[in-house]
Amino acid sequence: MSRHHSLDYVEFTSPDPSATGLFLSEAFGWRTAEYGPDYVGFEDGEEAHEAGGVARGENAAPLAIVYSADLEATEASVVAAGGVVVTPIFAFPGGRRFVFRDPAGVTMAVWSDAT
């Protein structure tokens, strides 16, 4: 099965990512990894990859993140379908991503491996 354009990651915000990560570990048995004071990744046990993360910030709606094998082509497809890029493609440790809003105002992101 191809990962391309599959829902791959969910990101929450919390004023205290460490506390939220500890809660997820204790409540659900999820493994967590701290990436400094502002980010905690978690594995939900489904696969051997991170299913999501908790970023420092005010509590907000979760951010659904789609995987793409071709980030630039997916960005073009999002724009052609009426989406608006709100954060252009940027690099982060392990990959690149962009954030967009769909025509109804829903915010999502798309990421790709670092290449």
C-alpha atoms as a PDB file:
ATOM      1  CA  MET A   1       0.000   0.000   0.000  1.00  0.00           C
ATOM      2  CA  SER A   2       1.317   3.437  -0.924  1.00  0.00           C
ATOM      3  CA  ARG A   3       1.691   6.126   1.746  1.00  0.00           C
ATOM      4  CA  HIS A   4       1.315   8.874  -0.867  1.00  0.00           C
ATOM      5  CA  HIS A   5      -1.547  11.192   0.104  1.00  0.00           C
ATOM      6  CA  SER A   6      -2.440   9.129   3.171  1.00  0.00           C
ATOM      7  CA  LEU A   7      -3.219  10.681   6.544  1.00  0.00           C
ATOM      8  CA  ASP A   8       0.077  10.096   8.328  1.00  0.00           C
ATOM      9  CA  TYR A   9       0.419  12.261  11.437  1.00  0.00           C
ATOM     10  CA  VAL A  10      -1.595  14.364  13.858  1.00  0.00           C
ATOM     11  CA  GLU A  11      -0.157  17.263  15.802  1.00  0.00           C
ATOM     12  CA  PHE A  12      -1.596  18.707  19.000  1.00  0.00           C
ATOM     13  CA  THR A  13      -0.594  21.878  20.814  1.00  0.00           C
ATOM     14  CA  SER A  14      -0.127  22.166  24.554  1.00  0.00           C
ATOM     15  CA  PRO A  15       1.270  24.783  26.921  1.00  0.00           C
ATOM     16  CA  ASP A  16       3.311  21.886  28.408  1.00  0.00           C
ATOM     17  CA  PRO A  17       4.263  19.279  25.784  1.00  0.00           C
ATOM     18  CA  SER A  18       6.133  17.148  28.352  1.00  0.00           C
ATOM     19  CA  ALA A  19       3.070  16.866  30.585  1.00  0.00           C
ATOM     20  CA  THR A  20       0.845  16.011  27.629  1.00  0.00           C
ATOM     21  CA  GLY A  21       3.350  13.393  26.450  1.00  0.00           C
ATOM     22  CA  LEU A  22       3.446  11.857  29.922  1.00  0.00           C
ATOM     23  CA  PHE A  23      -0.364  11.750  29.971  1.00  0.00           C
ATOM     24  CA  LEU A  24      -0.507  10.003  26.571  1.00  0.00           C
ATOM     25  CA  SER A  25       2.055   7.473  27.776  1.00  0.00           C
ATOM     26  CA  GLU A  26       0.271   6.753  31.056  1.00  0.00           C
ATOM     27  CA  ALA A  27      -3.285   6.799  29.699  1.00  0.00           C
ATOM     28  CA  PHE A  28      -2.758   4.873  26.457  1.00  0.00           C
ATOM     29  CA  GLY A  29       0.660   3.211  26.765  1.00  0.00           C
ATOM     30  CA  TRP A  30       2.041   5.231  23.851  1.00  0.00           C
ATOM     31  CA  ARG A  31       5.814   5.605  23.584  1.00  0.00           C
ATOM     32  CA  THR A  32       7.008   9.195  23.563  1.00  0.00           C
ATOM     33  CA  ALA A  33      10.237  10.948  22.607  1.00  0.00           C
ATOM     34  CA  GLU A  34      11.108  14.473  23.688  1.00  0.00           C
ATOM     35  CA  TYR A  35      12.749  16.667  21.057  1.00  0.00           C
ATOM     36  CA  GLY A  36      13.682  19.488  23.375  1.00  0.00           C
ATOM     37  CA  PRO A  37      11.340  21.485  25.604  1.00  0.00           C
ATOM     38  CA  ASP A  38       8.944  22.444  22.807  1.00  0.00           C
ATOM     39  CA  TYR A  39       8.082  19.138  21.109  1.00  0.00           C
ATOM     40  CA  VAL A  40       7.205  15.565  22.040  1.00  0.00           C
ATOM     41  CA  GLY A  41       6.626  12.868  19.433  1.00  0.00           C
ATOM     42  CA  PHE A  42       4.512   9.791  20.104  1.00  0.00           C
ATOM     43  CA  GLU A  43       3.993   6.305  18.699  1.00  0.00           C
ATOM     44  CA  ASP A  44       0.498   4.939  19.173  1.00  0.00           C
ATOM     45  CA  GLY A  45       1.579   1.303  18.834  1.00  0.00           C
ATOM     46  CA  GLU A  46       0.019   0.826  15.389  1.00  0.00           C
ATOM     47  CA  GLU A  47       3.335   0.874  13.514  1.00  0.00           C
ATOM     48  CA  ALA A  48       6.977   1.528  14.216  1.00  0.00           C
ATOM     49  CA  HIS A  49       6.737   5.196  13.263  1.00  0.00           C
ATOM     50  CA  GLU A  50       5.618   8.315  15.028  1.00  0.00           C
ATOM     51  CA  ALA A  51       1.880   8.778  14.714  1.00  0.00           C
ATOM     52  CA  GLY A  52       1.909  12.318  16.004  1.00  0.00           C
ATOM     53  CA  GLY A  53       3.395  14.979  18.176  1.00  0.00           C
ATOM     54  CA  VAL A  54       2.709  17.695  20.696  1.00  0.00           C
ATOM     55  CA  ALA A  55       4.079  21.171  19.991  1.00  0.00           C
ATOM     56  CA  ARG A  56       4.309  23.970  22.544  1.00  0.00           C
ATOM     57  CA  GLY A  57       1.477  26.438  22.067  1.00  0.00           C
ATOM     58  CA  GLU A  58      -1.988  27.375  23.165  1.00  0.00           C
ATOM     59  CA  ASN A  59      -4.513  24.564  22.957  1.00  0.00           C
ATOM     60  CA  ALA A  60      -5.968  24.557  19.449  1.00  0.00           C
ATOM     61  CA  ALA A  61      -7.580  22.136  17.044  1.00  0.00           C
ATOM     62  CA  PRO A  62      -5.346  19.200  16.075  1.00  0.00           C
ATOM     63  CA  LEU A  63      -3.444  19.540  12.811  1.00  0.00           C
ATOM     64  CA  ALA A  64      -3.934  16.602  10.427  1.00  0.00           C
ATOM     65  CA  ILE A  65      -0.843  15.955   8.326  1.00  0.00           C
ATOM     66  CA  VAL A  66      -0.866  14.073   5.006  1.00  0.00           C
ATOM     67  CA  TYR A  67       2.229  12.356   3.587  1.00  0.00           C
ATOM     68  CA  SER A  68       3.355  13.098   0.018  1.00  0.00           C
ATOM     69  CA  ALA A  69       5.969  11.390  -2.112  1.00  0.00           C
ATOM     70  CA  ASP A  70       6.210  14.622  -4.181  1.00  0.00           C
ATOM     71  CA  LEU A  71       5.677  17.695  -2.018  1.00  0.00           C
ATOM     72  CA  GLU A  72       5.806  20.282  -4.810  1.00  0.00           C
ATOM     73  CA  ALA A  73       3.288  18.368  -6.939  1.00  0.00           C
ATOM     74  CA  THR A  74       0.948  17.996  -3.974  1.00  0.00           C
ATOM     75  CA  GLU A  75       1.242  21.709  -3.200  1.00  0.00           C
ATOM     76  CA  ALA A  76       0.292  22.502  -6.800  1.00  0.00           C
ATOM     77  CA  SER A  77      -2.668  20.106  -6.557  1.00  0.00           C
ATOM     78  CA  VAL A  78      -3.860  21.725  -3.317  1.00  0.00           C
ATOM     79  CA  VAL A  79      -3.714  25.191  -4.890  1.00  0.00           C
ATOM     80  CA  ALA A  80      -5.438  24.002  -8.096  1.00  0.00           C
ATOM     81  CA  ALA A  81      -8.270  22.585  -5.971  1.00  0.00           C
ATOM     82  CA  GLY A  82      -8.800  25.970  -4.287  1.00  0.00           C
ATOM     83  CA  GLY A  83      -6.563  25.584  -1.222  1.00  0.00           C
ATOM     84  CA  VAL A  84      -4.493  28.483   0.079  1.00  0.00           C
ATOM     85  CA  VAL A  85      -0.936  27.892   1.284  1.00  0.00           C
ATOM     86  CA  VAL A  86      -0.562  29.648   4.652  1.00  0.00           C
ATOM     87  CA  THR A  87       2.969  28.415   5.426  1.00  0.00           C
ATOM     88  CA  PRO A  88       5.190  27.743   2.393  1.00  0.00           C
ATOM     89  CA  ILE A  89       7.353  24.634   2.216  1.00  0.00           C
ATOM     90  CA  PHE A  90       9.947  24.596   4.992  1.00  0.00           C
ATOM     91  CA  ALA A  91      12.498  22.073   6.236  1.00  0.00           C
ATOM     92  CA  PHE A  92      12.477  20.442   9.660  1.00  0.00           C
ATOM     93  CA  PRO A  93      14.606  17.590  11.053  1.00  0.00           C
ATOM     94  CA  GLY A  94      13.601  14.573   8.969  1.00  0.00           C
ATOM     95  CA  GLY A  95      11.594  16.245   6.249  1.00  0.00           C
ATOM     96  CA  ARG A  96       9.812  19.216   4.719  1.00  0.00           C
ATOM     97  CA  ARG A  97       6.200  20.394   4.918  1.00  0.00           C
ATOM     98  CA  PHE A  98       3.716  23.124   4.101  1.00  0.00           C
ATOM     99  CA  VAL A  99       0.466  24.199   5.746  1.00  0.00           C
ATOM    100  CA  PHE A 100      -2.709  25.125   3.876  1.00  0.00           C
ATOM    101  CA  ARG A 101      -6.387  25.992   4.325  1.00  0.00           C
ATOM    102  CA  ASP A 102      -9.066  24.357   2.219  1.00  0.00           C
ATOM    103  CA  PRO A 103     -11.850  26.489   0.670  1.00  0.00           C
ATOM    104  CA  ALA A 104     -13.999  25.998   3.812  1.00  0.00           C
ATOM    105  CA  GLY A 105     -11.202  27.194   6.114  1.00  0.00           C
ATOM    106  CA  VAL A 106      -9.950  23.849   7.476  1.00  0.00           C
ATOM    107  CA  THR A 107      -6.210  23.950   8.164  1.00  0.00           C
ATOM    108  CA  MET A 108      -4.087  20.900   7.304  1.00  0.00           C
ATOM    109  CA  ALA A 109      -0.460  20.178   6.406  1.00  0.00           C
ATOM    110  CA  VAL A 110       1.442  17.974   3.987  1.00  0.00           C
ATOM    111  CA  TRP A 111       4.902  16.575   4.645  1.00  0.00           C
ATOM    112  CA  SER A 112       7.575  14.649   2.764  1.00  0.00           C
ATOM    113  CA  ASP A 113      10.840  12.958   3.679  1.00  0.00           C
ATOM    114  CA  ALA A 114      13.957  15.102   3.477  1.00  0.00           C
ATOM    115  CA  THR A 115      15.382  14.722  -0.008  1.00  0.00           C
END
